[in-house]
């Protein structure tokens, strides 16, 4: 008889453990569902704008005109706006204009700094730079172009890891991340003469 009581007790305890396990698992799934709903509510309550345009000037008189098909204000930091399908026109004093396009951007309304990312194209006179990332800093007076950088002009094609341009002085640094790698420059001229 003790054996039967022991087996019944074991089965009851096992059954209770299974029920508790099912209850806790369902509770966890419900908590995850609540978390997903909360995340979606935060996203849907964000400030999304269409056909965004920002125009600003720095202390040197340079004008920055940024257009985007969509802009979304960061909920955590109201000074940051995430942009989609970005086009910028940089009108430099005593110089020619720079046109920048990219799939995405991140614009800071306080310091005017802008990060352009994915399919970045920079056009200046007969020069064109393509890359995946551009950090345009008004505070530093610089443009740092990186990730798959290709510079082309009438005569040459240049490939590098990073191009840094001082907006004020137009001084340019062309760099590779690894010391043993070199900047690749090819002439477009078929004769090899420059």
N, C-alpha and C. Protein backbone atom coordinates (compact mmCIF):
# COMPACT_ATOMS: atom_id res chain seq x y z
N UNK A 1 0.81 -1.19 0.00
CA UNK A 1 0.00 0.00 0.00
C UNK A 1 0.86 1.26 0.00
N UNK A 2 1.96 1.21 0.66
CA UNK A 2 2.88 2.34 0.68
C UNK A 2 3.39 2.67 -0.73
N UNK A 3 3.53 1.61 -1.52
CA UNK A 3 3.99 1.82 -2.88
C UNK A 3 2.96 2.61 -3.67
N UNK A 4 1.67 2.28 -3.51
CA UNK A 4 0.61 2.97 -4.24
C UNK A 4 0.53 4.44 -3.81
N UNK A 5 0.65 4.70 -2.54
CA UNK A 5 0.61 6.08 -2.04
C UNK A 5 1.80 6.86 -2.57
N UNK A 6 2.94 6.25 -2.58
CA UNK A 6 4.16 6.89 -3.08
C UNK A 6 4.02 7.22 -4.57
N UNK A 7 3.48 6.30 -5.36
CA UNK A 7 3.30 6.53 -6.79
C UNK A 7 2.27 7.63 -7.01
N UNK A 8 1.16 7.60 -6.27
CA UNK A 8 0.13 8.64 -6.40
C UNK A 8 0.69 10.01 -6.00
N UNK A 9 1.45 10.03 -4.96
CA UNK A 9 2.06 11.30 -4.52
C UNK A 9 3.01 11.83 -5.59
N UNK A 10 3.79 10.95 -6.14
CA UNK A 10 4.72 11.33 -7.21
C UNK A 10 3.96 11.88 -8.41
N UNK A 11 2.89 11.21 -8.81
CA UNK A 11 2.09 11.67 -9.95
C UNK A 11 1.43 13.01 -9.67
N UNK A 12 0.93 13.22 -8.48
CA UNK A 12 0.31 14.49 -8.12
C UNK A 12 1.34 15.62 -8.17
N UNK A 13 2.52 15.38 -7.60
CA UNK A 13 3.58 16.39 -7.60
C UNK A 13 4.02 16.68 -9.03
N UNK A 14 4.18 15.63 -9.83
CA UNK A 14 4.57 15.79 -11.23
C UNK A 14 3.51 16.62 -11.97
N UNK A 15 2.24 16.29 -11.78
CA UNK A 15 1.14 17.01 -12.41
C UNK A 15 1.14 18.48 -11.99
N UNK A 16 1.36 18.77 -10.72
CA UNK A 16 1.42 20.15 -10.23
C UNK A 16 2.60 20.90 -10.84
N UNK A 17 3.74 20.26 -10.96
CA UNK A 17 4.91 20.90 -11.57
C UNK A 17 4.65 21.24 -13.04
N UNK A 18 3.99 20.34 -13.76
CA UNK A 18 3.64 20.60 -15.16
C UNK A 18 2.69 21.79 -15.25
N UNK A 19 1.69 21.86 -14.40
CA UNK A 19 0.75 22.98 -14.40
C UNK A 19 1.44 24.31 -14.08
N UNK A 20 2.30 24.28 -13.08
CA UNK A 20 3.05 25.50 -12.71
C UNK A 20 3.94 25.94 -13.87
N UNK A 21 4.60 24.99 -14.52
CA UNK A 21 5.47 25.30 -15.65
C UNK A 21 4.67 25.93 -16.79
N UNK A 22 3.51 25.38 -17.09
CA UNK A 22 2.66 25.93 -18.15
C UNK A 22 2.20 27.34 -17.77
N UNK A 23 1.81 27.54 -16.54
CA UNK A 23 1.36 28.85 -16.07
C UNK A 23 2.47 29.89 -16.21
N UNK A 24 3.68 29.55 -15.75
CA UNK A 24 4.81 30.49 -15.82
C UNK A 24 5.18 30.79 -17.27
N UNK A 25 5.14 29.80 -18.13
CA UNK A 25 5.46 30.00 -19.54
C UNK A 25 4.45 30.94 -20.19
N UNK A 26 3.17 30.76 -19.92
CA UNK A 26 2.14 31.65 -20.47
C UNK A 26 2.30 33.07 -19.94
N UNK A 27 2.64 33.20 -18.68
CA UNK A 27 2.85 34.53 -18.09
C UNK A 27 4.00 35.24 -18.77
N UNK A 28 5.09 34.52 -19.07
CA UNK A 28 6.25 35.10 -19.74
C UNK A 28 5.88 35.56 -21.14
N UNK A 29 5.11 34.76 -21.88
CA UNK A 29 4.68 35.14 -23.22
C UNK A 29 3.79 36.37 -23.18
N UNK A 30 2.93 36.47 -22.18
CA UNK A 30 2.08 37.65 -22.05
C UNK A 30 2.91 38.90 -21.76
N UNK A 31 3.96 38.76 -20.92
CA UNK A 31 4.84 39.89 -20.63
C UNK A 31 5.57 40.33 -21.90
N UNK A 32 6.03 39.36 -22.73
CA UNK A 32 6.69 39.71 -23.98
C UNK A 32 5.72 40.42 -24.92
N UNK A 33 4.49 39.98 -24.96
CA UNK A 33 3.48 40.63 -25.80
C UNK A 33 3.25 42.07 -25.36
N UNK A 34 3.20 42.30 -24.05
CA UNK A 34 3.04 43.65 -23.52
C UNK A 34 4.23 44.51 -23.91
N UNK A 35 5.44 43.94 -23.84
CA UNK A 35 6.65 44.68 -24.21
C UNK A 35 6.62 45.06 -25.68
N UNK A 36 6.21 44.15 -26.56
CA UNK A 36 6.13 44.45 -27.98
C UNK A 36 5.11 45.55 -28.24
N UNK A 37 3.97 45.49 -27.60
CA UNK A 37 2.96 46.53 -27.77
C UNK A 37 3.48 47.88 -27.31
N UNK A 38 4.19 47.91 -26.19
CA UNK A 38 4.75 49.15 -25.67
C UNK A 38 5.75 49.73 -26.66
N UNK A 39 6.61 48.88 -27.24
CA UNK A 39 7.59 49.35 -28.21
C UNK A 39 6.89 49.93 -29.43
N UNK A 40 5.87 49.25 -29.92
CA UNK A 40 5.15 49.75 -31.08
C UNK A 40 4.45 51.07 -30.77
N UNK A 41 3.93 51.23 -29.57
CA UNK A 41 3.29 52.49 -29.20
C UNK A 41 4.31 53.62 -29.20
N UNK A 42 5.52 53.37 -28.68
CA UNK A 42 6.55 54.41 -28.68
C UNK A 42 6.88 54.82 -30.10
N UNK A 43 7.01 53.84 -31.00
CA UNK A 43 7.35 54.15 -32.38
C UNK A 43 6.24 54.94 -33.05
N UNK A 44 5.00 54.52 -32.82
CA UNK A 44 3.89 55.19 -33.49
C UNK A 44 3.65 56.59 -32.93
N UNK A 45 4.11 56.86 -31.71
CA UNK A 45 3.90 58.19 -31.14
C UNK A 45 5.07 59.13 -31.44
N UNK A 46 6.06 58.64 -32.20
CA UNK A 46 7.20 59.50 -32.53
C UNK A 46 6.76 60.53 -33.57
N UNK A 47 7.57 61.55 -33.72
CA UNK A 47 7.27 62.64 -34.64
C UNK A 47 7.86 62.33 -36.01
N UNK A 48 7.04 61.92 -36.93
CA UNK A 48 7.47 61.63 -38.30
C UNK A 48 6.97 62.75 -39.19
N UNK A 49 7.90 63.29 -40.00
CA UNK A 49 7.55 64.39 -40.90
C UNK A 49 7.94 63.99 -42.32
N UNK A 50 7.21 64.49 -43.29
CA UNK A 50 7.53 64.24 -44.69
C UNK A 50 8.03 65.52 -45.33
N UNK A 51 8.89 65.35 -46.34
CA UNK A 51 9.45 66.48 -47.09
C UNK A 51 10.06 67.52 -46.15
N UNK A 52 11.11 67.09 -45.46
CA UNK A 52 11.78 67.91 -44.46
C UNK A 52 12.84 68.79 -45.13
N UNK A 53 12.99 70.03 -44.64
CA UNK A 53 14.02 70.93 -45.13
C UNK A 53 14.60 71.73 -43.97
N UNK A 54 15.94 71.73 -43.87
CA UNK A 54 16.63 72.53 -42.85
C UNK A 54 17.64 73.42 -43.55
N UNK A 55 17.60 74.68 -43.24
CA UNK A 55 18.56 75.64 -43.79
C UNK A 55 19.23 76.33 -42.62
N UNK A 56 20.56 76.38 -42.64
CA UNK A 56 21.29 77.04 -41.55
C UNK A 56 22.59 77.62 -42.09
N UNK A 57 23.14 78.55 -41.32
CA UNK A 57 24.42 79.16 -41.66
C UNK A 57 25.34 79.06 -40.46
N UNK A 58 26.63 78.86 -40.74
CA UNK A 58 27.60 78.83 -39.65
C UNK A 58 28.21 80.22 -39.47
N UNK A 59 29.14 80.34 -38.53
CA UNK A 59 29.76 81.63 -38.22
C UNK A 59 30.58 82.18 -39.38
N UNK A 60 31.02 81.31 -40.32
CA UNK A 60 31.83 81.75 -41.46
C UNK A 60 30.99 82.14 -42.67
N UNK A 61 29.66 82.05 -42.55
CA UNK A 61 28.79 82.41 -43.65
C UNK A 61 28.46 81.25 -44.58
N UNK A 62 28.97 80.05 -44.31
CA UNK A 62 28.63 78.89 -45.12
C UNK A 62 27.17 78.51 -44.87
N UNK A 63 26.46 78.17 -45.93
CA UNK A 63 25.05 77.81 -45.80
C UNK A 63 24.86 76.32 -46.04
N UNK A 64 24.04 75.71 -45.20
CA UNK A 64 23.75 74.28 -45.27
C UNK A 64 22.26 74.10 -45.48
N UNK A 65 21.92 73.47 -46.61
CA UNK A 65 20.52 73.23 -46.95
C UNK A 65 20.33 71.73 -47.07
N UNK A 66 19.55 71.14 -46.16
CA UNK A 66 19.35 69.69 -46.13
C UNK A 66 17.88 69.37 -46.37
N UNK A 67 17.63 68.52 -47.37
CA UNK A 67 16.28 68.05 -47.69
C UNK A 67 16.22 66.55 -47.47
N UNK A 68 15.06 66.06 -47.04
CA UNK A 68 14.85 64.62 -46.90
C UNK A 68 13.38 64.31 -47.16
N UNK A 69 13.12 63.13 -47.70
CA UNK A 69 11.73 62.76 -47.95
C UNK A 69 10.99 62.46 -46.65
N UNK A 70 11.75 61.94 -45.63
CA UNK A 70 11.15 61.64 -44.33
C UNK A 70 12.12 62.04 -43.23
N UNK A 71 11.59 62.62 -42.17
CA UNK A 71 12.38 62.94 -40.99
C UNK A 71 11.66 62.45 -39.75
N UNK A 72 12.42 61.86 -38.83
CA UNK A 72 11.81 61.36 -37.60
C UNK A 72 12.61 61.88 -36.41
N UNK A 73 11.94 62.63 -35.53
CA UNK A 73 12.60 63.18 -34.35
C UNK A 73 12.82 62.06 -33.35
N UNK A 74 14.03 61.97 -32.84
CA UNK A 74 14.38 60.95 -31.84
C UNK A 74 13.57 61.24 -30.57
N UNK A 75 12.90 60.23 -30.05
CA UNK A 75 12.06 60.40 -28.86
C UNK A 75 12.91 60.72 -27.64
N UNK A 76 14.08 60.11 -27.54
CA UNK A 76 14.95 60.31 -26.38
C UNK A 76 15.68 61.65 -26.46
N UNK A 77 16.13 62.03 -27.67
CA UNK A 77 16.89 63.27 -27.85
C UNK A 77 16.20 64.12 -28.91
N UNK A 78 15.43 65.11 -28.50
CA UNK A 78 14.66 65.96 -29.42
C UNK A 78 15.54 66.73 -30.39
N UNK A 79 16.84 66.83 -30.13
CA UNK A 79 17.74 67.57 -31.00
C UNK A 79 18.24 66.74 -32.18
N UNK A 80 17.93 65.45 -32.20
CA UNK A 80 18.39 64.56 -33.25
C UNK A 80 17.22 64.18 -34.15
N UNK A 81 17.45 64.30 -35.46
CA UNK A 81 16.43 63.94 -36.42
C UNK A 81 17.02 62.92 -37.39
N UNK A 82 16.35 61.77 -37.53
CA UNK A 82 16.77 60.73 -38.45
C UNK A 82 16.11 61.00 -39.80
N UNK A 83 16.92 60.99 -40.85
CA UNK A 83 16.44 61.36 -42.18
C UNK A 83 16.50 60.18 -43.14
N UNK A 84 15.62 60.20 -44.13
CA UNK A 84 15.60 59.18 -45.18
C UNK A 84 15.58 59.88 -46.53
N UNK A 85 16.33 59.33 -47.49
CA UNK A 85 16.43 59.89 -48.84
C UNK A 85 16.89 61.35 -48.75
N UNK A 86 18.16 61.50 -48.40
CA UNK A 86 18.72 62.81 -48.04
C UNK A 86 19.44 63.47 -49.21
N UNK A 87 19.26 64.78 -49.34
CA UNK A 87 19.99 65.59 -50.31
C UNK A 87 20.41 66.87 -49.60
N UNK A 88 21.70 67.20 -49.71
CA UNK A 88 22.20 68.41 -49.05
C UNK A 88 22.96 69.27 -50.06
N UNK A 89 22.82 70.55 -49.89
CA UNK A 89 23.57 71.52 -50.67
C UNK A 89 24.37 72.36 -49.68
N UNK A 90 25.69 72.32 -49.81
CA UNK A 90 26.57 73.10 -48.93
C UNK A 90 27.13 74.24 -49.77
N UNK A 91 26.73 75.47 -49.42
CA UNK A 91 27.21 76.66 -50.13
C UNK A 91 28.34 77.28 -49.32
N UNK A 92 29.57 77.07 -49.78
CA UNK A 92 30.73 77.57 -49.06
C UNK A 92 31.05 78.98 -49.52
N UNK A 93 31.41 79.86 -48.57
CA UNK A 93 31.83 81.21 -48.94
C UNK A 93 33.18 81.10 -49.63
N UNK A 94 33.38 81.88 -50.67
CA UNK A 94 34.63 81.90 -51.44
C UNK A 94 34.98 80.55 -52.04
N UNK A 95 33.97 79.73 -52.39
CA UNK A 95 34.23 78.43 -53.00
C UNK A 95 32.96 77.95 -53.70
N UNK A 96 33.09 76.85 -54.41
CA UNK A 96 31.94 76.29 -55.12
C UNK A 96 31.10 75.41 -54.19
N UNK A 97 29.90 75.14 -54.63
CA UNK A 97 28.95 74.36 -53.83
C UNK A 97 29.33 72.87 -53.80
N UNK A 98 28.92 72.21 -52.74
CA UNK A 98 29.08 70.77 -52.58
C UNK A 98 27.67 70.17 -52.50
N UNK A 99 27.43 69.13 -53.29
CA UNK A 99 26.13 68.44 -53.24
C UNK A 99 26.37 67.06 -52.63
N UNK A 100 25.54 66.70 -51.66
CA UNK A 100 25.66 65.41 -50.97
C UNK A 100 24.31 64.71 -51.03
N UNK A 101 24.32 63.43 -51.40
CA UNK A 101 23.11 62.62 -51.35
C UNK A 101 23.42 61.33 -50.60
N UNK A 102 22.39 60.78 -49.95
CA UNK A 102 22.55 59.49 -49.25
C UNK A 102 21.17 58.90 -48.98
N UNK A 103 21.17 57.63 -48.64
CA UNK A 103 19.90 56.97 -48.30
C UNK A 103 19.38 57.43 -46.94
N UNK A 104 20.33 57.63 -46.00
CA UNK A 104 19.94 57.97 -44.63
C UNK A 104 20.81 59.09 -44.08
N UNK A 105 20.32 59.75 -43.03
CA UNK A 105 21.08 60.79 -42.37
C UNK A 105 20.66 60.93 -40.92
N UNK A 106 21.51 61.59 -40.16
CA UNK A 106 21.24 61.90 -38.76
C UNK A 106 21.68 63.34 -38.54
N UNK A 107 20.72 64.21 -38.27
CA UNK A 107 20.96 65.65 -38.20
C UNK A 107 20.77 66.13 -36.77
N UNK A 108 21.74 66.91 -36.28
CA UNK A 108 21.65 67.49 -34.94
C UNK A 108 21.29 68.96 -35.10
N UNK A 109 20.12 69.36 -34.62
CA UNK A 109 19.66 70.73 -34.82
C UNK A 109 20.41 71.75 -33.97
N UNK A 110 21.09 71.30 -32.91
CA UNK A 110 21.86 72.23 -32.07
C UNK A 110 23.17 72.65 -32.71
N UNK A 111 23.96 71.69 -33.17
CA UNK A 111 25.29 72.02 -33.69
C UNK A 111 25.39 71.87 -35.21
N UNK A 112 24.28 71.50 -35.87
CA UNK A 112 24.18 71.37 -37.33
C UNK A 112 24.99 70.20 -37.90
N UNK A 113 25.62 69.40 -37.05
CA UNK A 113 26.39 68.26 -37.53
C UNK A 113 25.44 67.24 -38.15
N UNK A 114 25.90 66.64 -39.24
CA UNK A 114 25.06 65.68 -39.95
C UNK A 114 25.89 64.46 -40.31
N UNK A 115 25.32 63.30 -40.08
CA UNK A 115 25.95 62.05 -40.52
C UNK A 115 25.10 61.52 -41.68
N UNK A 116 25.76 61.26 -42.80
CA UNK A 116 25.11 60.68 -43.96
C UNK A 116 25.56 59.23 -44.05
N UNK A 117 24.63 58.32 -44.36
CA UNK A 117 25.03 56.92 -44.44
C UNK A 117 24.30 56.20 -45.57
N UNK A 118 24.95 55.19 -46.06
CA UNK A 118 24.48 54.29 -47.12
C UNK A 118 24.34 55.03 -48.45
N UNK A 119 25.10 54.58 -49.43
CA UNK A 119 25.09 55.15 -50.78
C UNK A 119 25.34 56.66 -50.78
N UNK A 120 26.37 57.09 -50.09
CA UNK A 120 26.72 58.50 -50.01
C UNK A 120 27.42 58.92 -51.30
N UNK A 121 26.98 60.02 -51.89
CA UNK A 121 27.61 60.59 -53.08
C UNK A 121 27.86 62.07 -52.81
N UNK A 122 29.13 62.47 -52.98
CA UNK A 122 29.53 63.86 -52.76
C UNK A 122 30.04 64.40 -54.09
N UNK A 123 29.48 65.52 -54.55
CA UNK A 123 29.88 66.09 -55.82
C UNK A 123 30.38 67.51 -55.58
N UNK A 124 31.57 67.81 -56.13
CA UNK A 124 32.19 69.13 -56.00
C UNK A 124 32.92 69.41 -57.30
N UNK A 125 32.44 70.39 -58.07
CA UNK A 125 32.99 70.69 -59.39
C UNK A 125 33.01 69.41 -60.23
N UNK A 126 34.17 69.01 -60.73
CA UNK A 126 34.31 67.80 -61.55
C UNK A 126 34.72 66.59 -60.70
N UNK A 127 34.61 66.72 -59.39
CA UNK A 127 35.02 65.66 -58.47
C UNK A 127 33.81 64.96 -57.89
N UNK A 128 33.95 63.65 -57.73
CA UNK A 128 32.86 62.86 -57.15
C UNK A 128 33.47 61.85 -56.18
N UNK A 129 32.86 61.78 -54.99
CA UNK A 129 33.29 60.80 -53.98
C UNK A 129 32.07 59.95 -53.63
N UNK A 130 32.25 58.63 -53.69
CA UNK A 130 31.19 57.73 -53.23
C UNK A 130 31.71 56.99 -52.01
N UNK A 131 30.82 56.71 -51.08
CA UNK A 131 31.20 56.02 -49.84
C UNK A 131 29.93 55.52 -49.16
N UNK A 132 30.11 54.95 -48.00
CA UNK A 132 28.97 54.48 -47.21
C UNK A 132 28.72 55.34 -45.98
N UNK A 133 29.66 56.28 -45.67
CA UNK A 133 29.53 57.05 -44.43
C UNK A 133 30.22 58.41 -44.59
N UNK A 134 29.53 59.44 -44.15
CA UNK A 134 30.10 60.79 -44.15
C UNK A 134 29.69 61.49 -42.87
N UNK A 135 30.68 61.98 -42.14
CA UNK A 135 30.45 62.76 -40.92
C UNK A 135 30.77 64.21 -41.27
N UNK A 136 29.74 65.03 -41.44
CA UNK A 136 29.91 66.45 -41.74
C UNK A 136 29.76 67.21 -40.43
N UNK A 137 30.89 67.74 -39.93
CA UNK A 137 30.87 68.44 -38.64
C UNK A 137 31.14 69.91 -38.84
N UNK A 138 30.17 70.72 -38.48
CA UNK A 138 30.32 72.17 -38.55
C UNK A 138 31.25 72.62 -37.41
N UNK A 139 31.15 71.97 -36.27
CA UNK A 139 32.00 72.32 -35.12
C UNK A 139 33.48 72.13 -35.44
N UNK A 140 33.81 71.04 -36.12
CA UNK A 140 35.21 70.75 -36.46
C UNK A 140 35.62 71.35 -37.80
N UNK A 141 34.64 71.90 -38.54
CA UNK A 141 34.89 72.36 -39.90
C UNK A 141 35.47 71.25 -40.76
N UNK A 142 34.87 70.05 -40.67
CA UNK A 142 35.45 68.93 -41.42
C UNK A 142 34.40 67.99 -41.97
N UNK A 143 34.85 67.27 -42.98
CA UNK A 143 34.08 66.17 -43.55
C UNK A 143 34.98 64.94 -43.44
N UNK A 144 34.49 63.89 -42.79
CA UNK A 144 35.23 62.63 -42.73
C UNK A 144 34.41 61.60 -43.50
N UNK A 145 34.99 61.13 -44.59
CA UNK A 145 34.31 60.21 -45.49
C UNK A 145 34.97 58.84 -45.32
N UNK A 146 34.16 57.80 -45.11
CA UNK A 146 34.76 56.48 -44.88
C UNK A 146 33.86 55.36 -45.41
N UNK A 147 34.41 54.16 -45.40
CA UNK A 147 33.76 52.91 -45.83
C UNK A 147 33.57 52.87 -47.34
N UNK A 148 34.42 52.13 -47.99
CA UNK A 148 34.36 51.94 -49.45
C UNK A 148 34.45 53.26 -50.21
N UNK A 149 35.45 54.05 -49.89
CA UNK A 149 35.61 55.38 -50.47
C UNK A 149 36.22 55.26 -51.88
N UNK A 150 35.54 55.89 -52.85
CA UNK A 150 36.06 55.97 -54.22
C UNK A 150 35.93 57.42 -54.66
N UNK A 151 37.08 58.02 -55.01
CA UNK A 151 37.14 59.40 -55.48
C UNK A 151 37.44 59.38 -56.97
N UNK A 152 36.64 60.09 -57.75
CA UNK A 152 36.91 60.18 -59.18
C UNK A 152 36.89 61.65 -59.61
N UNK A 153 37.79 61.95 -60.56
CA UNK A 153 37.77 63.26 -61.21
C UNK A 153 38.01 63.02 -62.70
N UNK A 154 38.30 64.03 -63.45
CA UNK A 154 38.45 63.89 -64.90
C UNK A 154 39.58 62.91 -65.25
N UNK A 155 40.65 62.91 -64.47
CA UNK A 155 41.83 62.13 -64.82
C UNK A 155 42.02 60.83 -64.05
N UNK A 156 41.54 60.77 -62.79
CA UNK A 156 41.93 59.66 -61.92
C UNK A 156 40.76 59.02 -61.18
N UNK A 157 41.04 57.79 -60.71
CA UNK A 157 40.15 57.10 -59.79
C UNK A 157 41.00 56.72 -58.58
N UNK A 158 40.55 57.07 -57.40
CA UNK A 158 41.30 56.82 -56.18
C UNK A 158 40.42 56.02 -55.22
N UNK A 159 41.01 54.97 -54.61
CA UNK A 159 40.29 54.18 -53.61
C UNK A 159 41.06 54.23 -52.30
N UNK A 160 40.34 54.50 -51.23
CA UNK A 160 40.97 54.63 -49.91
C UNK A 160 39.97 54.23 -48.83
N UNK A 161 40.45 54.14 -47.60
CA UNK A 161 39.58 53.84 -46.47
C UNK A 161 38.91 55.09 -45.92
N UNK A 162 39.67 56.21 -45.90
CA UNK A 162 39.16 57.44 -45.31
C UNK A 162 39.67 58.65 -46.09
N UNK A 163 38.80 59.63 -46.27
CA UNK A 163 39.21 60.94 -46.77
C UNK A 163 38.72 61.96 -45.76
N UNK A 164 39.64 62.78 -45.26
CA UNK A 164 39.29 63.85 -44.32
C UNK A 164 39.52 65.19 -45.03
N UNK A 165 38.50 66.05 -45.01
CA UNK A 165 38.59 67.35 -45.68
C UNK A 165 38.29 68.44 -44.67
N UNK A 166 39.19 69.42 -44.58
CA UNK A 166 38.95 70.61 -43.77
C UNK A 166 38.12 71.56 -44.61
N UNK A 167 36.90 71.86 -44.19
CA UNK A 167 36.00 72.70 -44.97
C UNK A 167 36.55 74.10 -45.16
N UNK A 168 37.22 74.62 -44.15
CA UNK A 168 37.72 75.99 -44.19
C UNK A 168 38.93 76.13 -45.11
N UNK A 169 39.94 75.26 -44.92
CA UNK A 169 41.19 75.39 -45.66
C UNK A 169 41.24 74.53 -46.92
N UNK A 170 40.33 73.57 -47.05
CA UNK A 170 40.27 72.60 -48.14
C UNK A 170 41.44 71.60 -48.08
N UNK A 171 42.19 71.61 -46.97
CA UNK A 171 43.25 70.61 -46.79
C UNK A 171 42.60 69.24 -46.74
N UNK A 172 43.23 68.27 -47.40
CA UNK A 172 42.66 66.93 -47.51
C UNK A 172 43.68 65.88 -47.10
N UNK A 173 43.23 64.90 -46.32
CA UNK A 173 44.05 63.74 -45.95
C UNK A 173 43.37 62.50 -46.51
N UNK A 174 44.17 61.66 -47.15
CA UNK A 174 43.66 60.41 -47.69
C UNK A 174 44.39 59.29 -46.96
N UNK A 175 43.64 58.40 -46.30
CA UNK A 175 44.24 57.43 -45.39
C UNK A 175 43.76 56.01 -45.64
N UNK A 176 44.58 55.08 -45.18
CA UNK A 176 44.20 53.67 -45.11
C UNK A 176 44.24 53.28 -43.63
N UNK A 177 43.37 52.37 -43.23
CA UNK A 177 43.34 51.92 -41.84
C UNK A 177 44.59 51.11 -41.49
N UNK A 178 45.02 50.27 -42.40
CA UNK A 178 46.16 49.41 -42.14
C UNK A 178 47.41 49.99 -42.79
N UNK A 179 48.51 50.05 -42.04
CA UNK A 179 49.74 50.68 -42.53
C UNK A 179 50.30 49.99 -43.77
N UNK A 180 50.14 48.66 -43.86
CA UNK A 180 50.72 47.93 -44.99
C UNK A 180 49.91 48.11 -46.28
N UNK A 181 48.69 48.60 -46.18
CA UNK A 181 47.89 48.86 -47.38
C UNK A 181 48.14 50.27 -47.86
N UNK A 182 48.02 50.45 -49.17
CA UNK A 182 48.28 51.76 -49.76
C UNK A 182 47.04 52.26 -50.49
N UNK A 183 46.94 53.56 -50.60
CA UNK A 183 45.87 54.18 -51.36
C UNK A 183 46.04 53.77 -52.82
N UNK A 184 44.96 53.39 -53.47
CA UNK A 184 45.00 52.92 -54.86
C UNK A 184 44.59 54.07 -55.76
N UNK A 185 45.50 54.47 -56.67
CA UNK A 185 45.22 55.55 -57.63
C UNK A 185 45.43 55.01 -59.04
N UNK A 186 44.42 55.17 -59.89
CA UNK A 186 44.52 54.74 -61.28
C UNK A 186 44.17 55.91 -62.19
N UNK A 187 44.92 56.00 -63.28
CA UNK A 187 44.66 57.04 -64.27
C UNK A 187 43.56 56.58 -65.22
N UNK A 188 42.65 57.49 -65.56
CA UNK A 188 41.61 57.19 -66.53
C UNK A 188 42.15 57.25 -67.95
N UNK A 189 43.27 57.94 -68.10
CA UNK A 189 43.91 58.12 -69.41
C UNK A 189 44.45 56.78 -69.87
N UNK A 190 44.02 56.32 -71.02
CA UNK A 190 44.42 55.01 -71.54
C UNK A 190 45.92 54.93 -71.85
N UNK A 191 46.54 56.05 -72.20
CA UNK A 191 47.97 56.06 -72.54
C UNK A 191 48.85 56.00 -71.30
N UNK A 192 48.28 56.22 -70.15
CA UNK A 192 49.07 56.23 -68.92
C UNK A 192 49.72 57.57 -68.67
N UNK A 193 49.52 58.53 -69.57
CA UNK A 193 50.09 59.87 -69.38
C UNK A 193 49.08 60.74 -68.66
N UNK A 194 49.55 61.52 -67.70
CA UNK A 194 48.67 62.44 -66.98
C UNK A 194 48.79 63.82 -67.49
